Amino acid sequence: MSNKLKVAVMISGRGSNLKALLDACDTPNFPAEIVHVISNKKTAKGLRYAEEYGVPYEVISHKDFESRIDFDMTIHEHIKKSGAEFICLAGFMRVLSNKFTELWKDKLVNIHPSLLPSFKGVDTHRQALETGVKYHGCTVHFVVPDVDSGPIIVQEVVPVLDDDTIETLEARCLEKEHIAYRRALRIIAEGKFKIEGNKVLTWG
């Protein structure tokens, strides 16, 4: 029986971070394994990665539910049945209910395309360019009821170049996202972290 951390990944779109995590889990001695993938959209291109790697996956559309809480609790039950102990959000474009985040407190992480606490929400690359910051990047953080405000585990930085467009900046940040998420999942799976208030101490 594997003693690796069993992880579920939730996606809505292209799934590039899902693939990065699948690649990581496929390497020798990586301390986590992805046991289930859920998408709220049947058109999510990332589902092909789950199929390619032989990971069970399913589509649970939010449109089939009358309320957010009903949708969230259905996802919760499906993830529990899969045996997953931890959840990675990888481009999951739905705000989860407070009840869901409390049920998975300290066992639910997200990757956000900015150096939080700067540029919460959407259009982060446009915000970075319009604000004129010199550095941008991504953040892996624990999920709490207040969106994009949970304790930060890992950040990766990219310089903002004078000739950057939204597309070029996004592309460089996406490469860093893949690095950051793999590193964060290893830290978590190896238990090399401690949450103190809104801070995460990591080592190793």
N, C-alpha and C. Protein backbone atom coordinates (compact mmCIF):
# COMPACT_ATOMS: atom_id res chain seq x y z
N MET A 1 0.84 -1.19 0.00
CA MET A 1 0.00 0.00 0.00
C MET A 1 0.88 1.25 0.00
N SER A 2 0.58 2.19 -0.88
CA SER A 2 1.40 3.38 -1.02
C SER A 2 1.22 4.31 0.19
N ASN A 3 2.35 4.86 0.64
CA ASN A 3 2.27 5.85 1.72
C ASN A 3 2.37 7.27 1.18
N LYS A 4 2.22 7.39 -0.14
CA LYS A 4 2.26 8.72 -0.76
C LYS A 4 0.98 9.49 -0.43
N LEU A 5 1.09 10.83 -0.41
CA LEU A 5 -0.08 11.67 -0.22
C LEU A 5 -1.00 11.53 -1.42
N LYS A 6 -2.25 11.19 -1.17
CA LYS A 6 -3.22 11.00 -2.25
C LYS A 6 -3.93 12.32 -2.54
N VAL A 7 -3.83 12.76 -3.78
CA VAL A 7 -4.26 14.11 -4.16
C VAL A 7 -5.35 14.07 -5.23
N ALA A 8 -6.34 14.93 -5.06
CA ALA A 8 -7.32 15.20 -6.12
C ALA A 8 -7.00 16.57 -6.71
N VAL A 9 -7.17 16.69 -8.02
CA VAL A 9 -6.92 17.96 -8.70
C VAL A 9 -8.22 18.41 -9.37
N MET A 10 -8.54 19.69 -9.20
CA MET A 10 -9.75 20.26 -9.79
C MET A 10 -9.36 21.28 -10.85
N ILE A 11 -9.95 21.14 -12.04
CA ILE A 11 -9.59 22.00 -13.17
C ILE A 11 -10.85 22.51 -13.86
N SER A 12 -10.66 23.53 -14.70
CA SER A 12 -11.74 24.03 -15.55
C SER A 12 -11.32 24.18 -17.01
N GLY A 13 -10.00 24.18 -17.27
CA GLY A 13 -9.55 24.53 -18.61
C GLY A 13 -8.43 23.67 -19.15
N ARG A 14 -7.35 24.34 -19.58
CA ARG A 14 -6.30 23.67 -20.35
C ARG A 14 -5.50 22.65 -19.57
N GLY A 15 -5.40 22.81 -18.26
CA GLY A 15 -4.79 21.80 -17.42
C GLY A 15 -3.28 21.73 -17.45
N SER A 16 -2.60 22.83 -17.78
CA SER A 16 -1.13 22.76 -17.85
C SER A 16 -0.53 22.53 -16.47
N ASN A 17 -1.12 23.08 -15.43
CA ASN A 17 -0.60 22.82 -14.08
C ASN A 17 -0.93 21.40 -13.64
N LEU A 18 -2.07 20.87 -14.07
CA LEU A 18 -2.36 19.46 -13.82
C LEU A 18 -1.28 18.59 -14.43
N LYS A 19 -0.91 18.87 -15.66
CA LYS A 19 0.14 18.08 -16.32
C LYS A 19 1.46 18.19 -15.57
N ALA A 20 1.79 19.40 -15.11
CA ALA A 20 3.03 19.58 -14.34
C ALA A 20 3.02 18.71 -13.08
N LEU A 21 1.87 18.65 -12.42
CA LEU A 21 1.77 17.83 -11.21
C LEU A 21 1.80 16.35 -11.54
N LEU A 22 1.15 15.96 -12.63
CA LEU A 22 1.19 14.56 -13.06
C LEU A 22 2.62 14.14 -13.40
N ASP A 23 3.34 15.02 -14.09
CA ASP A 23 4.74 14.74 -14.42
C ASP A 23 5.57 14.56 -13.16
N ALA A 24 5.33 15.44 -12.19
CA ALA A 24 6.08 15.35 -10.94
C ALA A 24 5.79 14.04 -10.22
N CYS A 25 4.52 13.69 -10.14
CA CYS A 25 4.12 12.47 -9.44
C CYS A 25 4.60 11.22 -10.15
N ASP A 26 4.94 11.35 -11.42
CA ASP A 26 5.40 10.22 -12.21
C ASP A 26 6.91 10.00 -12.09
N THR A 27 7.58 10.89 -11.37
CA THR A 27 9.02 10.74 -11.20
C THR A 27 9.32 9.88 -9.98
N PRO A 28 10.46 9.17 -9.99
CA PRO A 28 10.80 8.29 -8.87
C PRO A 28 10.88 9.06 -7.54
N ASN A 29 10.34 8.46 -6.52
CA ASN A 29 10.44 8.96 -5.14
C ASN A 29 9.67 10.25 -4.87
N PHE A 30 8.81 10.68 -5.81
CA PHE A 30 8.00 11.86 -5.49
C PHE A 30 6.95 11.43 -4.46
N PRO A 31 6.74 12.25 -3.41
CA PRO A 31 5.95 11.78 -2.27
C PRO A 31 4.44 11.93 -2.39
N ALA A 32 3.93 12.22 -3.58
CA ALA A 32 2.48 12.37 -3.75
C ALA A 32 2.04 11.63 -5.01
N GLU A 33 0.77 11.30 -5.06
CA GLU A 33 0.19 10.70 -6.25
C GLU A 33 -1.21 11.29 -6.48
N ILE A 34 -1.53 11.52 -7.74
CA ILE A 34 -2.85 12.05 -8.08
C ILE A 34 -3.78 10.88 -8.32
N VAL A 35 -4.86 10.83 -7.54
CA VAL A 35 -5.78 9.69 -7.61
C VAL A 35 -7.11 10.05 -8.25
N HIS A 36 -7.36 11.34 -8.46
CA HIS A 36 -8.65 11.73 -9.03
C HIS A 36 -8.55 13.13 -9.61
N VAL A 37 -9.24 13.34 -10.72
CA VAL A 37 -9.32 14.66 -11.35
C VAL A 37 -10.80 14.99 -11.57
N ILE A 38 -11.18 16.20 -11.22
CA ILE A 38 -12.55 16.67 -11.43
C ILE A 38 -12.52 17.97 -12.21
N SER A 39 -13.40 18.07 -13.18
CA SER A 39 -13.60 19.32 -13.91
C SER A 39 -15.07 19.70 -13.85
N ASN A 40 -15.33 21.00 -13.79
CA ASN A 40 -16.71 21.47 -13.85
C ASN A 40 -17.15 21.72 -15.30
N LYS A 41 -16.22 21.47 -16.24
CA LYS A 41 -16.54 21.68 -17.66
C LYS A 41 -16.12 20.45 -18.47
N LYS A 42 -17.06 19.91 -19.24
CA LYS A 42 -16.73 18.73 -20.04
C LYS A 42 -15.79 19.07 -21.19
N THR A 43 -15.69 20.37 -21.53
CA THR A 43 -14.80 20.80 -22.61
C THR A 43 -13.38 21.09 -22.13
N ALA A 44 -13.11 20.90 -20.85
CA ALA A 44 -11.78 21.19 -20.30
C ALA A 44 -10.72 20.33 -20.99
N LYS A 45 -9.79 20.98 -21.64
CA LYS A 45 -8.75 20.25 -22.38
C LYS A 45 -7.85 19.46 -21.44
N GLY A 46 -7.77 19.90 -20.19
CA GLY A 46 -6.90 19.22 -19.24
C GLY A 46 -7.32 17.79 -18.94
N LEU A 47 -8.57 17.43 -19.23
CA LEU A 47 -9.02 16.07 -18.96
C LEU A 47 -8.22 15.04 -19.76
N ARG A 48 -7.69 15.48 -20.90
CA ARG A 48 -6.91 14.54 -21.72
C ARG A 48 -5.65 14.10 -20.99
N TYR A 49 -5.12 14.95 -20.11
CA TYR A 49 -3.93 14.57 -19.36
C TYR A 49 -4.26 13.48 -18.35
N ALA A 50 -5.40 13.61 -17.69
CA ALA A 50 -5.82 12.56 -16.76
C ALA A 50 -5.97 11.24 -17.49
N GLU A 51 -6.57 11.28 -18.66
CA GLU A 51 -6.74 10.07 -19.45
C GLU A 51 -5.39 9.51 -19.88
N GLU A 52 -4.51 10.39 -20.31
CA GLU A 52 -3.18 9.97 -20.76
C GLU A 52 -2.39 9.27 -19.66
N TYR A 53 -2.53 9.77 -18.42
CA TYR A 53 -1.78 9.21 -17.30
C TYR A 53 -2.55 8.12 -16.56
N GLY A 54 -3.74 7.80 -17.05
CA GLY A 54 -4.51 6.74 -16.43
C GLY A 54 -5.10 7.07 -15.08
N VAL A 55 -5.38 8.35 -14.86
CA VAL A 55 -5.95 8.80 -13.58
C VAL A 55 -7.47 8.91 -13.73
N PRO A 56 -8.23 8.34 -12.83
CA PRO A 56 -9.69 8.46 -12.90
C PRO A 56 -10.12 9.93 -12.89
N TYR A 57 -11.08 10.25 -13.74
CA TYR A 57 -11.56 11.64 -13.81
C TYR A 57 -13.05 11.66 -14.07
N GLU A 58 -13.65 12.78 -13.77
CA GLU A 58 -15.08 12.96 -14.01
C GLU A 58 -15.40 14.43 -14.18
N VAL A 59 -16.53 14.68 -14.81
CA VAL A 59 -17.05 16.03 -14.98
C VAL A 59 -18.27 16.20 -14.09
N ILE A 60 -18.23 17.21 -13.25
CA ILE A 60 -19.38 17.57 -12.42
C ILE A 60 -19.69 19.03 -12.73
N SER A 61 -20.70 19.27 -13.52
CA SER A 61 -21.01 20.62 -13.97
C SER A 61 -21.78 21.40 -12.91
N HIS A 62 -21.30 22.60 -12.62
CA HIS A 62 -21.99 23.45 -11.67
C HIS A 62 -23.38 23.85 -12.17
N LYS A 63 -23.58 23.75 -13.48
CA LYS A 63 -24.87 24.13 -14.06
C LYS A 63 -25.97 23.13 -13.72
N ASP A 64 -25.59 21.96 -13.23
CA ASP A 64 -26.58 20.93 -12.88
C ASP A 64 -27.10 21.07 -11.46
N PHE A 65 -26.66 22.12 -10.76
CA PHE A 65 -27.05 22.27 -9.36
C PHE A 65 -27.74 23.61 -9.13
N GLU A 66 -28.68 23.61 -8.20
CA GLU A 66 -29.44 24.82 -7.93
C GLU A 66 -28.66 25.82 -7.09
N SER A 67 -27.70 25.33 -6.33
CA SER A 67 -26.94 26.23 -5.46
C SER A 67 -25.48 25.85 -5.46
N ARG A 68 -24.65 26.81 -5.08
CA ARG A 68 -23.21 26.58 -4.97
C ARG A 68 -22.91 25.51 -3.94
N ILE A 69 -23.64 25.55 -2.82
CA ILE A 69 -23.35 24.60 -1.75
C ILE A 69 -23.67 23.18 -2.18
N ASP A 70 -24.74 22.99 -2.95
CA ASP A 70 -25.06 21.64 -3.44
C ASP A 70 -23.96 21.12 -4.36
N PHE A 71 -23.47 21.99 -5.22
CA PHE A 71 -22.36 21.63 -6.12
C PHE A 71 -21.12 21.27 -5.32
N ASP A 72 -20.78 22.12 -4.39
CA ASP A 72 -19.57 21.89 -3.59
C ASP A 72 -19.64 20.61 -2.78
N MET A 73 -20.79 20.34 -2.19
CA MET A 73 -20.91 19.15 -1.36
C MET A 73 -20.88 17.87 -2.20
N THR A 74 -21.37 17.96 -3.43
CA THR A 74 -21.25 16.81 -4.33
C THR A 74 -19.79 16.54 -4.66
N ILE A 75 -19.05 17.60 -4.96
CA ILE A 75 -17.62 17.44 -5.20
C ILE A 75 -16.92 16.86 -3.97
N HIS A 76 -17.27 17.37 -2.82
CA HIS A 76 -16.68 16.88 -1.57
C HIS A 76 -16.89 15.37 -1.43
N GLU A 77 -18.10 14.91 -1.66
CA GLU A 77 -18.40 13.49 -1.51
C GLU A 77 -17.62 12.65 -2.53
N HIS A 78 -17.53 13.13 -3.76
CA HIS A 78 -16.81 12.38 -4.79
C HIS A 78 -15.31 12.31 -4.48
N ILE A 79 -14.77 13.38 -3.97
CA ILE A 79 -13.34 13.37 -3.63
C ILE A 79 -13.08 12.44 -2.45
N LYS A 80 -13.94 12.47 -1.45
CA LYS A 80 -13.78 11.56 -0.31
C LYS A 80 -13.83 10.10 -0.76
N LYS A 81 -14.76 9.79 -1.68
CA LYS A 81 -14.88 8.42 -2.18
C LYS A 81 -13.64 7.98 -2.96
N SER A 82 -12.96 8.95 -3.57
CA SER A 82 -11.77 8.62 -4.37
C SER A 82 -10.58 8.24 -3.49
N GLY A 83 -10.68 8.54 -2.20
CA GLY A 83 -9.58 8.27 -1.29
C GLY A 83 -8.58 9.40 -1.18
N ALA A 84 -8.83 10.51 -1.88
CA ALA A 84 -7.92 11.65 -1.82
C ALA A 84 -7.91 12.27 -0.43
N GLU A 85 -6.73 12.69 -0.02
CA GLU A 85 -6.55 13.32 1.29
C GLU A 85 -6.28 14.82 1.16
N PHE A 86 -6.06 15.26 -0.05
CA PHE A 86 -5.61 16.64 -0.27
C PHE A 86 -6.13 17.07 -1.64
N ILE A 87 -6.35 18.38 -1.80
CA ILE A 87 -6.87 18.91 -3.07
C ILE A 87 -5.97 20.02 -3.58
N CYS A 88 -5.65 19.94 -4.88
CA CYS A 88 -4.97 21.02 -5.58
C CYS A 88 -5.93 21.63 -6.60
N LEU A 89 -6.15 22.91 -6.50
CA LEU A 89 -6.92 23.62 -7.52
C LEU A 89 -5.94 24.07 -8.59
N ALA A 90 -6.23 23.72 -9.84
CA ALA A 90 -5.31 24.03 -10.93
C ALA A 90 -6.10 24.65 -12.08
N GLY A 91 -6.40 25.93 -11.91
CA GLY A 91 -7.22 26.59 -12.91
C GLY A 91 -8.68 26.24 -12.77
N PHE A 92 -9.12 26.02 -11.54
CA PHE A 92 -10.54 25.75 -11.28
C PHE A 92 -11.24 27.09 -11.11
N MET A 93 -12.09 27.44 -12.07
CA MET A 93 -12.62 28.79 -12.15
C MET A 93 -13.98 28.95 -11.47
N ARG A 94 -14.05 28.46 -10.24
CA ARG A 94 -15.24 28.64 -9.42
C ARG A 94 -14.80 29.03 -8.01
N VAL A 95 -15.51 29.96 -7.40
CA VAL A 95 -15.24 30.32 -6.01
C VAL A 95 -15.94 29.29 -5.13
N LEU A 96 -15.18 28.63 -4.29
CA LEU A 96 -15.73 27.59 -3.43
C LEU A 96 -16.38 28.18 -2.19
N SER A 97 -17.40 27.51 -1.71
CA SER A 97 -18.14 27.99 -0.55
C SER A 97 -17.29 27.91 0.71
N ASN A 98 -17.69 28.71 1.71
CA ASN A 98 -16.99 28.68 3.00
C ASN A 98 -17.04 27.29 3.62
N LYS A 99 -18.18 26.61 3.44
CA LYS A 99 -18.33 25.27 4.03
C LYS A 99 -17.30 24.32 3.44
N PHE A 100 -17.11 24.38 2.14
CA PHE A 100 -16.14 23.50 1.49
C PHE A 100 -14.73 23.79 1.97
N THR A 101 -14.38 25.07 2.00
CA THR A 101 -13.02 25.42 2.42
C THR A 101 -12.77 25.05 3.88
N GLU A 102 -13.82 25.09 4.70
CA GLU A 102 -13.64 24.69 6.10
C GLU A 102 -13.50 23.18 6.22
N LEU A 103 -14.25 22.43 5.39
CA LEU A 103 -14.14 20.97 5.41
C LEU A 103 -12.74 20.52 5.01
N TRP A 104 -12.10 21.29 4.14
CA TRP A 104 -10.77 20.94 3.64
C TRP A 104 -9.70 21.92 4.16
N LYS A 105 -9.94 22.46 5.33
CA LYS A 105 -9.01 23.41 5.92
C LYS A 105 -7.61 22.80 6.03
N ASP A 106 -6.62 23.53 5.53
CA ASP A 106 -5.22 23.12 5.52
C ASP A 106 -4.95 21.90 4.64
N LYS A 107 -5.94 21.52 3.82
CA LYS A 107 -5.79 20.40 2.89
C LYS A 107 -6.23 20.79 1.49
N LEU A 108 -6.22 22.09 1.22
CA LEU A 108 -6.71 22.63 -0.05
C LEU A 108 -5.82 23.79 -0.46
N VAL A 109 -5.20 23.67 -1.63
CA VAL A 109 -4.30 24.73 -2.10
C VAL A 109 -4.68 25.16 -3.51
N ASN A 110 -4.22 26.35 -3.86
CA ASN A 110 -4.49 26.93 -5.17
C ASN A 110 -3.21 27.58 -5.69
N ILE A 111 -3.13 27.69 -7.01
CA ILE A 111 -2.05 28.47 -7.60
C ILE A 111 -2.66 29.70 -8.25
N HIS A 112 -2.07 30.86 -7.94
CA HIS A 112 -2.61 32.13 -8.41
C HIS A 112 -1.54 32.86 -9.22
N PRO A 113 -1.91 33.42 -10.37
CA PRO A 113 -0.91 34.06 -11.24
C PRO A 113 -0.54 35.49 -10.87
N SER A 114 -0.08 35.66 -9.65
CA SER A 114 0.50 36.94 -9.23
C SER A 114 1.28 36.70 -7.95
N LEU A 115 2.03 37.69 -7.55
CA LEU A 115 2.73 37.64 -6.27
C LEU A 115 1.79 38.20 -5.21
N LEU A 116 0.97 37.32 -4.69
CA LEU A 116 0.04 37.75 -3.64
C LEU A 116 0.81 38.35 -2.47
N PRO A 117 0.24 39.36 -1.81
CA PRO A 117 -1.15 39.82 -1.90
C PRO A 117 -1.45 40.80 -3.04
N SER A 118 -0.52 41.04 -3.93
CA SER A 118 -0.79 41.93 -5.06
C SER A 118 -1.66 41.21 -6.09
N PHE A 119 -2.56 41.97 -6.69
CA PHE A 119 -3.35 41.52 -7.85
C PHE A 119 -4.16 40.26 -7.57
N LYS A 120 -5.05 40.35 -6.61
CA LYS A 120 -5.99 39.26 -6.39
C LYS A 120 -7.02 39.25 -7.52
N GLY A 121 -7.73 38.13 -7.64
CA GLY A 121 -8.78 38.05 -8.64
C GLY A 121 -8.25 37.70 -10.02
N VAL A 122 -8.89 38.26 -11.05
CA VAL A 122 -8.58 37.90 -12.43
C VAL A 122 -7.79 39.00 -13.13
N ASP A 123 -7.37 38.73 -14.37
CA ASP A 123 -6.62 39.69 -15.20
C ASP A 123 -5.36 40.18 -14.51
N THR A 124 -4.66 39.27 -13.86
CA THR A 124 -3.50 39.68 -13.06
C THR A 124 -2.35 40.22 -13.92
N HIS A 125 -2.17 39.66 -15.11
CA HIS A 125 -1.06 40.10 -15.96
C HIS A 125 -1.33 41.51 -16.51
N ARG A 126 -2.57 41.75 -16.86
CA ARG A 126 -2.94 43.11 -17.29
C ARG A 126 -2.74 44.10 -16.14
N GLN A 127 -3.16 43.70 -14.94
CA GLN A 127 -2.99 44.58 -13.78
C GLN A 127 -1.52 44.89 -13.54
N ALA A 128 -0.68 43.87 -13.68
CA ALA A 128 0.76 44.07 -13.45
C ALA A 128 1.33 45.07 -14.44
N LEU A 129 0.95 44.93 -15.72
CA LEU A 129 1.46 45.84 -16.74
C LEU A 129 0.93 47.25 -16.55
N GLU A 130 -0.33 47.36 -16.22
CA GLU A 130 -0.93 48.69 -16.05
C GLU A 130 -0.38 49.39 -14.82
N THR A 131 -0.04 48.63 -13.80
CA THR A 131 0.48 49.22 -12.56
C THR A 131 1.95 49.62 -12.71
N GLY A 132 2.65 48.96 -13.64
CA GLY A 132 4.05 49.30 -13.86
C GLY A 132 5.02 48.64 -12.91
N VAL A 133 4.62 47.50 -12.32
CA VAL A 133 5.54 46.81 -11.41
C VAL A 133 6.72 46.25 -12.19
N LYS A 134 7.83 46.10 -11.52
CA LYS A 134 9.04 45.57 -12.14
C LYS A 134 9.14 44.05 -12.03
N TYR A 135 8.39 43.49 -11.08
CA TYR A 135 8.42 42.05 -10.88
C TYR A 135 7.00 41.51 -10.73
N HIS A 136 6.80 40.32 -11.25
CA HIS A 136 5.50 39.67 -11.25
C HIS A 136 5.77 38.19 -10.96
N GLY A 137 4.77 37.35 -10.98
CA GLY A 137 5.04 35.94 -10.75
C GLY A 137 3.80 35.18 -10.37
N CYS A 138 3.97 34.18 -9.49
CA CYS A 138 2.85 33.32 -9.10
C CYS A 138 3.00 32.90 -7.65
N THR A 139 1.89 32.43 -7.11
CA THR A 139 1.83 32.07 -5.69
C THR A 139 1.05 30.78 -5.51
N VAL A 140 1.59 29.84 -4.75
CA VAL A 140 0.82 28.69 -4.29
C VAL A 140 0.45 28.96 -2.84
N HIS A 141 -0.84 28.87 -2.53
CA HIS A 141 -1.31 29.23 -1.19
C HIS A 141 -2.42 28.31 -0.73
N PHE A 142 -2.57 28.19 0.57
CA PHE A 142 -3.71 27.49 1.12
C PHE A 142 -4.98 28.30 0.86
N VAL A 143 -6.08 27.61 0.66
CA VAL A 143 -7.35 28.28 0.37
C VAL A 143 -8.12 28.51 1.65
N VAL A 144 -8.59 29.73 1.82
CA VAL A 144 -9.42 30.12 2.95
C VAL A 144 -10.67 30.80 2.38
N PRO A 145 -11.70 31.04 3.22
CA PRO A 145 -12.92 31.66 2.69
C PRO A 145 -12.70 32.98 1.97
N ASP A 146 -11.76 33.79 2.43
CA ASP A 146 -11.45 35.06 1.77
C ASP A 146 -10.57 34.76 0.55
N VAL A 147 -11.09 35.02 -0.63
CA VAL A 147 -10.44 34.59 -1.87
C VAL A 147 -9.02 35.17 -2.01
N ASP A 148 -8.09 34.32 -2.40
CA ASP A 148 -6.69 34.70 -2.67
C ASP A 148 -6.01 35.32 -1.46
N SER A 149 -6.38 34.86 -0.27
CA SER A 149 -5.84 35.46 0.95
C SER A 149 -5.23 34.45 1.91
N GLY A 150 -5.15 33.18 1.51
CA GLY A 150 -4.65 32.16 2.43
C GLY A 150 -3.14 32.19 2.59
N PRO A 151 -2.63 31.45 3.56
CA PRO A 151 -1.20 31.40 3.83
C PRO A 151 -0.40 30.97 2.60
N ILE A 152 0.69 31.67 2.35
CA ILE A 152 1.50 31.46 1.15
C ILE A 152 2.55 30.37 1.40
N ILE A 153 2.62 29.41 0.47
CA ILE A 153 3.58 28.31 0.59
C ILE A 153 4.82 28.58 -0.25
N VAL A 154 4.61 28.90 -1.52
CA VAL A 154 5.71 29.09 -2.47
C VAL A 154 5.36 30.24 -3.41
N GLN A 155 6.37 31.04 -3.75
CA GLN A 155 6.22 32.05 -4.80
C GLN A 155 7.39 31.94 -5.77
N GLU A 156 7.12 32.23 -7.03
CA GLU A 156 8.15 32.31 -8.06
C GLU A 156 8.04 33.67 -8.74
N VAL A 157 9.17 34.27 -9.05
CA VAL A 157 9.21 35.64 -9.55
C VAL A 157 9.72 35.69 -10.98
N VAL A 158 9.13 36.59 -11.79
CA VAL A 158 9.67 36.90 -13.11
C VAL A 158 9.80 38.41 -13.24
N PRO A 159 10.82 38.89 -13.93
CA PRO A 159 10.91 40.34 -14.17
C PRO A 159 9.88 40.74 -15.22
N VAL A 160 9.39 41.94 -15.09
CA VAL A 160 8.50 42.50 -16.11
C VAL A 160 9.36 43.31 -17.07
N LEU A 161 9.36 42.92 -18.34
CA LEU A 161 10.20 43.56 -19.34
C LEU A 161 9.50 44.75 -19.99
N ASP A 162 10.29 45.68 -20.49
CA ASP A 162 9.72 46.90 -21.08
C ASP A 162 8.80 46.60 -22.26
N ASP A 163 9.11 45.55 -23.01
CA ASP A 163 8.31 45.24 -24.19
C ASP A 163 7.30 44.12 -23.95
N ASP A 164 7.05 43.80 -22.70
CA ASP A 164 6.10 42.73 -22.40
C ASP A 164 4.69 43.09 -22.84
N THR A 165 3.99 42.08 -23.33
CA THR A 165 2.55 42.15 -23.54
C THR A 165 1.90 41.22 -22.52
N ILE A 166 0.59 41.27 -22.45
CA ILE A 166 -0.10 40.34 -21.55
C ILE A 166 0.27 38.91 -21.88
N GLU A 167 0.36 38.61 -23.18
CA GLU A 167 0.62 37.25 -23.62
C GLU A 167 2.03 36.79 -23.26
N THR A 168 3.03 37.64 -23.47
CA THR A 168 4.40 37.24 -23.17
C THR A 168 4.63 37.10 -21.67
N LEU A 169 4.02 38.01 -20.91
CA LEU A 169 4.16 37.94 -19.46
C LEU A 169 3.46 36.70 -18.92
N GLU A 170 2.29 36.42 -19.44
CA GLU A 170 1.56 35.23 -19.01
C GLU A 170 2.35 33.97 -19.30
N ALA A 171 2.96 33.90 -20.47
CA ALA A 171 3.71 32.70 -20.85
C ALA A 171 4.88 32.45 -19.90
N ARG A 172 5.61 33.51 -19.54
CA ARG A 172 6.75 33.33 -18.64
C ARG A 172 6.28 32.97 -17.23
N CYS A 173 5.18 33.57 -16.82
CA CYS A 173 4.64 33.25 -15.49
C CYS A 173 4.14 31.81 -15.43
N LEU A 174 3.56 31.34 -16.53
CA LEU A 174 3.04 29.98 -16.55
C LEU A 174 4.16 28.96 -16.36
N GLU A 175 5.31 29.21 -16.96
CA GLU A 175 6.46 28.32 -16.75
C GLU A 175 6.83 28.27 -15.27
N LYS A 176 6.77 29.41 -14.61
CA LYS A 176 7.08 29.47 -13.18
C LYS A 176 6.00 28.78 -12.34
N GLU A 177 4.75 28.85 -12.80
CA GLU A 177 3.67 28.18 -12.08
C GLU A 177 3.95 26.69 -11.97
N HIS A 178 4.39 26.10 -13.08
CA HIS A 178 4.66 24.66 -13.08
C HIS A 178 5.76 24.31 -12.08
N ILE A 179 6.77 25.15 -12.00
CA ILE A 179 7.86 24.93 -11.04
C ILE A 179 7.35 25.09 -9.61
N ALA A 180 6.60 26.16 -9.38
CA ALA A 180 6.12 26.47 -8.04
C ALA A 180 5.18 25.40 -7.51
N TYR A 181 4.28 24.92 -8.36
CA TYR A 181 3.29 23.95 -7.88
C TYR A 181 3.96 22.60 -7.55
N ARG A 182 4.89 22.19 -8.38
CA ARG A 182 5.60 20.95 -8.08
C ARG A 182 6.36 21.07 -6.75
N ARG A 183 7.00 22.20 -6.56
CA ARG A 183 7.77 22.40 -5.33
C ARG A 183 6.86 22.44 -4.10
N ALA A 184 5.74 23.13 -4.24
CA ALA A 184 4.80 23.24 -3.13
C ALA A 184 4.22 21.88 -2.76
N LEU A 185 3.86 21.08 -3.76
CA LEU A 185 3.27 19.77 -3.46
C LEU A 185 4.28 18.87 -2.78
N ARG A 186 5.54 18.95 -3.18
CA ARG A 186 6.57 18.15 -2.50
C ARG A 186 6.70 18.57 -1.03
N ILE A 187 6.76 19.87 -0.79
CA ILE A 187 6.85 20.37 0.59
C ILE A 187 5.69 19.85 1.43
N ILE A 188 4.49 19.93 0.86
CA ILE A 188 3.29 19.50 1.58
C ILE A 188 3.32 18.00 1.84
N ALA A 189 3.61 17.24 0.78
CA ALA A 189 3.58 15.78 0.90
C ALA A 189 4.63 15.26 1.86
N GLU A 190 5.76 15.95 1.95
CA GLU A 190 6.82 15.54 2.88
C GLU A 190 6.61 16.10 4.28
N GLY A 191 5.56 16.91 4.44
CA GLY A 191 5.25 17.47 5.75
C GLY A 191 6.26 18.50 6.23
N LYS A 192 6.94 19.11 5.28
CA LYS A 192 7.99 20.05 5.66
C LYS A 192 7.47 21.49 5.69
N PHE A 193 6.39 21.66 6.46
CA PHE A 193 5.81 22.99 6.60
C PHE A 193 5.04 23.07 7.92
N LYS A 194 4.81 24.28 8.32
CA LYS A 194 4.01 24.54 9.52
C LYS A 194 3.26 25.84 9.31
N ILE A 195 1.95 25.81 9.56
CA ILE A 195 1.13 27.02 9.41
C ILE A 195 1.07 27.74 10.74
N GLU A 196 1.45 28.98 10.74
CA GLU A 196 1.37 29.82 11.95
C GLU A 196 0.58 31.07 11.59
N GLY A 197 -0.69 31.09 11.97
CA GLY A 197 -1.56 32.21 11.61
C GLY A 197 -1.74 32.24 10.10
N ASN A 198 -1.34 33.35 9.47
CA ASN A 198 -1.45 33.45 8.02
C ASN A 198 -0.10 33.28 7.34
N LYS A 199 0.83 32.63 8.05
CA LYS A 199 2.15 32.39 7.48
C LYS A 199 2.42 30.89 7.42
N VAL A 200 3.19 30.49 6.41
CA VAL A 200 3.63 29.09 6.31
C VAL A 200 5.14 29.06 6.43
N LEU A 201 5.63 28.33 7.40
CA LEU A 201 7.05 28.10 7.55
C LEU A 201 7.40 26.81 6.83
N THR A 202 8.41 26.84 5.96
CA THR A 202 8.81 25.64 5.23
C THR A 202 10.29 25.39 5.46
N TRP A 203 10.69 24.13 5.26
CA TRP A 203 12.10 23.78 5.41
C TRP A 203 12.41 22.57 4.53
N GLY A 204 13.67 22.28 4.38
CA GLY A 204 14.10 21.12 3.61
C GLY A 204 14.16 21.38 2.13
